[in-house]
Amino acid sequence: MPPAAAITRARAAILATATAFRDRIDGPFDMLASGAAALPALHATAVEPGLFGKVELHDMRGSWESIIDAEVPTKMLADTIHGVLRHYD
């Protein structure tokens, strides 16, 4: 599976779980994600901000600048979703 597809599927899973959870409680709830789950969580909160209250993301890439500045960049493709900025930037 292409890396972007993995992020998209993870985001969809987060949104499905969050929607089901929201239906059981009254109002938004907090999101905490780290590592490989942080980027899909970021995308999920951007797509459906009303689902979440406080959002904490840990151990994820700080910026695209960190890729450019790295001597040997890693995980560049894994952290991209083609065309996503058209939807929420």
N, C-alpha and C. Protein backbone atom coordinates (compact mmCIF):
# COMPACT_ATOMS: atom_id res chain seq x y z
N MET A 1 0.85 -1.17 0.00
CA MET A 1 0.00 0.00 0.00
C MET A 1 0.90 1.24 0.00
N PRO A 2 0.61 2.22 -0.88
CA PRO A 2 1.41 3.45 -0.88
C PRO A 2 1.29 4.16 0.47
N PRO A 3 2.36 4.85 0.90
CA PRO A 3 2.34 5.52 2.21
C PRO A 3 1.16 6.47 2.38
N ALA A 4 0.85 7.26 1.36
CA ALA A 4 -0.26 8.20 1.48
C ALA A 4 -1.57 7.47 1.70
N ALA A 5 -1.73 6.31 1.08
CA ALA A 5 -2.95 5.53 1.29
C ALA A 5 -3.06 5.05 2.73
N ALA A 6 -1.94 4.72 3.33
CA ALA A 6 -1.94 4.29 4.73
C ALA A 6 -2.39 5.43 5.64
N ILE A 7 -1.91 6.64 5.38
CA ILE A 7 -2.32 7.80 6.17
C ILE A 7 -3.80 8.07 5.97
N THR A 8 -4.26 7.98 4.73
CA THR A 8 -5.67 8.21 4.43
C THR A 8 -6.56 7.18 5.12
N ARG A 9 -6.15 5.92 5.10
CA ARG A 9 -6.93 4.88 5.78
C ARG A 9 -6.91 5.07 7.29
N ALA A 10 -5.78 5.46 7.83
CA ALA A 10 -5.70 5.70 9.28
C ALA A 10 -6.58 6.88 9.66
N ARG A 11 -6.56 7.94 8.84
CA ARG A 11 -7.43 9.09 9.11
C ARG A 11 -8.90 8.66 9.07
N ALA A 12 -9.28 7.86 8.09
CA ALA A 12 -10.66 7.39 8.00
C ALA A 12 -11.04 6.56 9.22
N ALA A 13 -10.13 5.73 9.69
CA ALA A 13 -10.40 4.91 10.88
C ALA A 13 -10.56 5.80 12.11
N ILE A 14 -9.72 6.81 12.24
CA ILE A 14 -9.83 7.74 13.37
C ILE A 14 -11.17 8.46 13.32
N LEU A 15 -11.57 8.94 12.13
CA LEU A 15 -12.84 9.65 12.01
C LEU A 15 -14.02 8.74 12.31
N ALA A 16 -13.99 7.51 11.83
CA ALA A 16 -15.09 6.57 12.10
C ALA A 16 -15.20 6.28 13.59
N THR A 17 -14.07 6.05 14.24
CA THR A 17 -14.07 5.78 15.67
C THR A 17 -14.52 7.00 16.45
N ALA A 18 -14.02 8.17 16.07
CA ALA A 18 -14.39 9.40 16.76
C ALA A 18 -15.88 9.71 16.62
N THR A 19 -16.41 9.47 15.43
CA THR A 19 -17.84 9.71 15.21
C THR A 19 -18.68 8.77 16.05
N ALA A 20 -18.31 7.50 16.10
CA ALA A 20 -19.04 6.53 16.92
C ALA A 20 -18.95 6.90 18.40
N PHE A 21 -17.78 7.34 18.82
CA PHE A 21 -17.59 7.72 20.22
C PHE A 21 -18.41 8.97 20.55
N ARG A 22 -18.38 9.94 19.66
CA ARG A 22 -19.14 11.18 19.88
C ARG A 22 -20.63 10.89 20.02
N ASP A 23 -21.13 9.92 19.26
CA ASP A 23 -22.54 9.58 19.33
C ASP A 23 -22.93 9.00 20.69
N ARG A 24 -21.95 8.54 21.46
CA ARG A 24 -22.21 7.95 22.78
C ARG A 24 -22.04 8.94 23.93
N ILE A 25 -21.39 10.08 23.65
CA ILE A 25 -21.19 11.08 24.70
C ILE A 25 -21.81 12.39 24.23
N ASP A 26 -21.84 13.35 25.12
CA ASP A 26 -22.40 14.65 24.79
C ASP A 26 -21.27 15.64 24.51
N GLY A 27 -21.03 15.94 23.24
CA GLY A 27 -20.04 16.94 22.89
C GLY A 27 -18.70 16.37 22.46
N PRO A 28 -17.78 17.26 22.10
CA PRO A 28 -16.46 16.84 21.64
C PRO A 28 -15.62 16.23 22.76
N PHE A 29 -14.60 15.50 22.37
CA PHE A 29 -13.68 14.89 23.33
C PHE A 29 -12.26 15.19 22.89
N ASP A 30 -11.31 14.97 23.77
CA ASP A 30 -9.91 15.30 23.49
C ASP A 30 -9.23 14.21 22.66
N MET A 31 -8.30 14.64 21.83
CA MET A 31 -7.52 13.73 20.98
C MET A 31 -6.07 13.77 21.44
N LEU A 32 -5.48 12.61 21.66
CA LEU A 32 -4.06 12.48 21.99
C LEU A 32 -3.48 11.44 21.06
N ALA A 33 -2.48 11.81 20.28
CA ALA A 33 -1.87 10.87 19.33
C ALA A 33 -0.37 11.11 19.30
N SER A 34 0.39 10.05 19.04
CA SER A 34 1.85 10.19 18.95
C SER A 34 2.40 9.27 17.88
N GLY A 35 3.63 9.59 17.47
CA GLY A 35 4.32 8.76 16.49
C GLY A 35 3.57 8.66 15.18
N ALA A 36 3.44 7.45 14.66
CA ALA A 36 2.80 7.22 13.36
C ALA A 36 1.33 7.62 13.36
N ALA A 37 0.68 7.66 14.51
CA ALA A 37 -0.74 8.04 14.58
C ALA A 37 -0.94 9.55 14.57
N ALA A 38 0.12 10.32 14.83
CA ALA A 38 -0.04 11.76 14.96
C ALA A 38 -0.44 12.44 13.66
N LEU A 39 0.16 12.09 12.55
CA LEU A 39 -0.18 12.75 11.29
C LEU A 39 -1.61 12.44 10.84
N PRO A 40 -2.05 11.18 10.86
CA PRO A 40 -3.46 10.92 10.53
C PRO A 40 -4.41 11.63 11.49
N ALA A 41 -4.04 11.74 12.76
CA ALA A 41 -4.87 12.45 13.73
C ALA A 41 -4.95 13.93 13.39
N LEU A 42 -3.84 14.51 12.97
CA LEU A 42 -3.83 15.91 12.55
C LEU A 42 -4.77 16.12 11.37
N HIS A 43 -4.70 15.24 10.37
CA HIS A 43 -5.60 15.33 9.22
C HIS A 43 -7.06 15.16 9.65
N ALA A 44 -7.32 14.24 10.55
CA ALA A 44 -8.69 14.00 11.02
C ALA A 44 -9.25 15.24 11.72
N THR A 45 -8.45 15.89 12.54
CA THR A 45 -8.92 17.08 13.25
C THR A 45 -9.12 18.25 12.29
N ALA A 46 -8.34 18.30 11.22
CA ALA A 46 -8.52 19.36 10.23
C ALA A 46 -9.79 19.14 9.42
N VAL A 47 -10.10 17.90 9.11
CA VAL A 47 -11.28 17.58 8.31
C VAL A 47 -12.57 17.74 9.12
N GLU A 48 -12.54 17.33 10.38
CA GLU A 48 -13.73 17.38 11.26
C GLU A 48 -13.37 18.01 12.61
N PRO A 49 -13.08 19.31 12.64
CA PRO A 49 -12.64 19.93 13.89
C PRO A 49 -13.69 19.89 15.00
N GLY A 50 -14.95 19.83 14.66
CA GLY A 50 -16.00 19.81 15.65
C GLY A 50 -16.08 18.53 16.47
N LEU A 51 -15.41 17.47 15.99
CA LEU A 51 -15.42 16.21 16.72
C LEU A 51 -14.53 16.26 17.96
N PHE A 52 -13.55 17.14 17.94
CA PHE A 52 -12.50 17.10 18.96
C PHE A 52 -12.44 18.38 19.78
N GLY A 53 -12.09 18.24 21.04
CA GLY A 53 -11.85 19.39 21.91
C GLY A 53 -10.38 19.74 21.82
N LYS A 54 -9.65 19.45 22.86
CA LYS A 54 -8.20 19.67 22.91
C LYS A 54 -7.51 18.59 22.07
N VAL A 55 -6.49 18.98 21.32
CA VAL A 55 -5.74 18.04 20.48
C VAL A 55 -4.27 18.12 20.88
N GLU A 56 -3.68 16.97 21.24
CA GLU A 56 -2.25 16.89 21.56
C GLU A 56 -1.60 15.89 20.62
N LEU A 57 -0.55 16.34 19.94
CA LEU A 57 0.20 15.49 19.02
C LEU A 57 1.65 15.46 19.48
N HIS A 58 2.21 14.27 19.59
CA HIS A 58 3.58 14.11 20.08
C HIS A 58 4.40 13.24 19.12
N ASP A 59 5.70 13.47 19.12
CA ASP A 59 6.65 12.64 18.36
C ASP A 59 6.32 12.56 16.88
N MET A 60 5.96 13.70 16.30
CA MET A 60 5.74 13.73 14.86
C MET A 60 6.70 14.75 14.25
N ARG A 61 6.83 14.71 12.95
CA ARG A 61 7.71 15.64 12.25
C ARG A 61 7.27 17.07 12.58
N GLY A 62 8.23 17.91 12.93
CA GLY A 62 7.91 19.27 13.31
C GLY A 62 7.49 20.16 12.16
N SER A 63 8.15 19.98 11.00
CA SER A 63 7.85 20.84 9.86
C SER A 63 8.47 20.25 8.59
N TRP A 64 8.02 20.76 7.45
CA TRP A 64 8.65 20.36 6.19
C TRP A 64 10.07 20.94 6.12
N GLU A 65 10.30 22.03 6.82
CA GLU A 65 11.65 22.61 6.86
C GLU A 65 12.65 21.61 7.44
N SER A 66 12.20 20.80 8.40
CA SER A 66 13.10 19.81 8.99
C SER A 66 13.52 18.76 7.96
N ILE A 67 12.69 18.50 6.98
CA ILE A 67 13.04 17.57 5.90
C ILE A 67 14.10 18.21 5.01
N ILE A 68 13.88 19.46 4.66
CA ILE A 68 14.81 20.16 3.77
C ILE A 68 16.17 20.31 4.42
N ASP A 69 16.18 20.60 5.73
CA ASP A 69 17.44 20.82 6.44
C ASP A 69 18.19 19.53 6.77
N ALA A 70 17.51 18.39 6.71
CA ALA A 70 18.15 17.12 7.06
C ALA A 70 19.19 16.74 6.02
N GLU A 71 20.31 16.22 6.49
CA GLU A 71 21.35 15.78 5.57
C GLU A 71 20.84 14.62 4.70
N VAL A 72 20.15 13.70 5.32
CA VAL A 72 19.54 12.58 4.60
C VAL A 72 18.06 12.51 5.03
N PRO A 73 17.17 13.15 4.25
CA PRO A 73 15.76 13.17 4.63
C PRO A 73 15.15 11.76 4.64
N THR A 74 14.24 11.51 5.57
CA THR A 74 13.55 10.23 5.63
C THR A 74 12.05 10.46 5.74
N LYS A 75 11.29 9.45 5.36
CA LYS A 75 9.83 9.44 5.47
C LYS A 75 9.16 10.62 4.78
N MET A 76 9.75 11.14 3.71
CA MET A 76 9.13 12.26 3.01
C MET A 76 7.82 11.82 2.37
N LEU A 77 7.84 10.75 1.62
CA LEU A 77 6.63 10.29 0.94
C LEU A 77 5.59 9.79 1.94
N ALA A 78 6.03 9.16 3.00
CA ALA A 78 5.10 8.63 3.99
C ALA A 78 4.30 9.73 4.68
N ASP A 79 4.81 10.96 4.68
CA ASP A 79 4.13 12.06 5.36
C ASP A 79 3.36 12.96 4.40
N THR A 80 3.11 12.52 3.19
CA THR A 80 2.41 13.36 2.23
C THR A 80 1.10 12.70 1.79
N ILE A 81 0.13 13.53 1.52
CA ILE A 81 -1.12 13.08 0.90
C ILE A 81 -1.36 14.03 -0.26
N HIS A 82 -1.25 13.51 -1.47
CA HIS A 82 -1.36 14.33 -2.67
C HIS A 82 -2.69 15.08 -2.71
N GLY A 83 -2.63 16.39 -2.89
CA GLY A 83 -3.81 17.21 -3.09
C GLY A 83 -4.58 17.57 -1.82
N VAL A 84 -4.11 17.19 -0.66
CA VAL A 84 -4.89 17.40 0.56
C VAL A 84 -5.06 18.88 0.90
N LEU A 85 -4.11 19.72 0.54
CA LEU A 85 -4.20 21.12 0.90
C LEU A 85 -5.36 21.84 0.21
N ARG A 86 -5.83 21.29 -0.91
CA ARG A 86 -6.99 21.88 -1.57
C ARG A 86 -8.23 21.82 -0.68
N HIS A 87 -8.24 20.90 0.27
CA HIS A 87 -9.42 20.69 1.09
C HIS A 87 -9.42 21.45 2.39
N TYR A 88 -8.26 21.76 2.95
CA TYR A 88 -8.29 22.46 4.23
C TYR A 88 -7.08 23.33 4.51
N ASP A 89 -6.59 24.02 3.50
CA ASP A 89 -5.53 25.00 3.78
C ASP A 89 -6.00 26.38 3.32
